[in-house]
Amino acid sequence: MTVYGWLGGGLSVVYNIPQIYNVYRIKEITGVSHASILLRIVSYLLVIYHSFTIEDPAIMYTTLAGLIQLFIIYSQLWMYSQPNEETTDNNTDDV
């Protein structure tokens, strides 16, 4: 029954939304490693390939949506782990 594939895949996409929104709102990301996100990206790519070969659109499309979310999370991790220019400028003024 494909309804379970769509339901499960849909729920796996929904659980990333609060994290993406929260990181966007506070402009800070802590406790998430680059390696863990990259490993999840590789695993999602493998699942997408597998679901394509067995012709399971429910898993393929929901995993693809999750992959897009992982790229967003990874870009947030990269953006918000960079030193803040305003903080760096303020710290050098005090010296």
Protein backbone atom coordinates (compact mmCIF):
# COMPACT_ATOMS: atom_id res chain seq x y z
CA MET A 1 0.00 0.00 0.00
CA THR A 2 1.61 3.21 -1.15
CA VAL A 3 -0.35 5.36 1.30
CA TYR A 4 2.05 4.28 4.06
CA GLY A 5 5.04 5.26 1.94
CA TRP A 6 3.59 8.72 1.32
CA LEU A 7 2.59 9.12 4.97
CA GLY A 8 5.94 8.00 6.34
CA GLY A 9 7.88 10.01 3.79
CA GLY A 10 5.74 13.06 4.42
CA LEU A 11 6.35 12.86 8.16
CA SER A 12 10.09 12.52 7.57
CA VAL A 13 9.97 15.79 5.64
CA VAL A 14 7.88 17.62 8.25
CA TYR A 15 10.25 17.00 11.17
CA ASN A 16 13.03 19.12 9.59
CA ILE A 17 10.86 22.23 9.18
CA PRO A 18 10.98 23.42 12.83
CA GLN A 19 14.78 23.10 12.88
CA ILE A 20 15.18 25.03 9.63
CA TYR A 21 12.84 27.77 10.85
CA ASN A 22 14.44 28.03 14.28
CA VAL A 23 17.96 28.31 12.86
CA TYR A 24 16.75 30.94 10.39
CA ARG A 25 15.07 32.89 13.19
CA ILE A 26 18.00 32.94 15.65
CA LYS A 27 20.76 32.91 13.00
CA GLU A 28 22.77 30.41 15.04
CA ILE A 29 23.36 26.69 14.71
CA THR A 30 25.04 24.62 17.39
CA GLY A 31 25.46 20.94 18.05
CA VAL A 32 25.22 19.84 14.41
CA SER A 33 28.33 18.54 12.72
CA HIS A 34 29.20 18.92 9.05
CA ALA A 35 30.03 15.20 8.92
CA SER A 36 26.59 14.12 10.17
CA ILE A 37 24.78 16.27 7.61
CA LEU A 38 27.03 15.08 4.79
CA LEU A 39 26.47 11.46 5.83
CA ARG A 40 22.70 12.00 5.79
CA ILE A 41 22.98 13.57 2.32
CA VAL A 42 24.86 10.53 0.99
CA SER A 43 22.34 8.15 2.58
CA TYR A 44 19.41 10.10 1.08
CA LEU A 45 21.04 9.97 -2.36
CA LEU A 46 21.36 6.19 -2.05
CA VAL A 47 17.71 5.84 -0.97
CA ILE A 48 16.60 8.02 -3.89
CA TYR A 49 18.58 5.84 -6.30
CA HIS A 50 17.12 2.68 -4.75
CA SER A 51 13.55 3.99 -4.87
CA PHE A 52 14.08 5.01 -8.51
CA THR A 53 15.29 1.53 -9.45
CA ILE A 54 12.33 -0.18 -7.75
CA GLU A 55 9.94 2.48 -9.08
CA ASP A 56 8.63 3.69 -5.72
CA PRO A 57 7.60 7.32 -6.25
CA ALA A 58 6.41 7.82 -2.66
CA ILE A 59 9.83 7.14 -1.21
CA MET A 60 11.68 8.81 -4.08
CA TYR A 61 9.84 12.15 -3.93
CA THR A 62 9.62 12.45 -0.17
CA THR A 63 13.30 11.56 0.20
CA LEU A 64 14.10 14.12 -2.48
CA ALA A 65 12.19 16.74 -0.47
CA GLY A 66 14.17 15.69 2.60
CA LEU A 67 17.40 15.99 0.60
CA ILE A 68 16.51 19.56 -0.34
CA GLN A 69 15.91 20.28 3.34
CA LEU A 70 19.31 18.80 4.20
CA PHE A 71 20.95 21.12 1.69
CA ILE A 72 19.17 24.02 3.40
CA ILE A 73 20.32 22.83 6.84
CA TYR A 74 23.88 22.35 5.57
CA SER A 75 23.93 25.83 4.06
CA GLN A 76 22.64 27.22 7.38
CA LEU A 77 25.37 25.31 9.19
CA TRP A 78 27.96 26.78 6.87
CA MET A 79 26.54 30.34 6.98
CA TYR A 80 25.95 30.61 10.71
CA SER A 81 29.18 28.92 11.77
CA GLN A 82 31.20 31.66 10.05
CA PRO A 83 32.46 34.45 12.34
CA ASN A 84 30.06 37.34 12.51
CA GLU A 85 31.72 40.42 10.96
CA GLU A 86 30.00 42.83 13.36
CA THR A 87 31.19 40.85 16.39
CA THR A 88 34.71 40.61 14.99
CA ASP A 89 34.78 44.36 14.23
CA ASN A 90 33.50 45.25 17.71
CA ASN A 91 36.08 43.04 19.40
CA THR A 92 38.98 44.66 17.54
CA ASP A 93 37.75 48.17 18.45
CA ASP A 94 38.04 47.39 22.17
CA VAL A 95 41.75 46.50 21.97
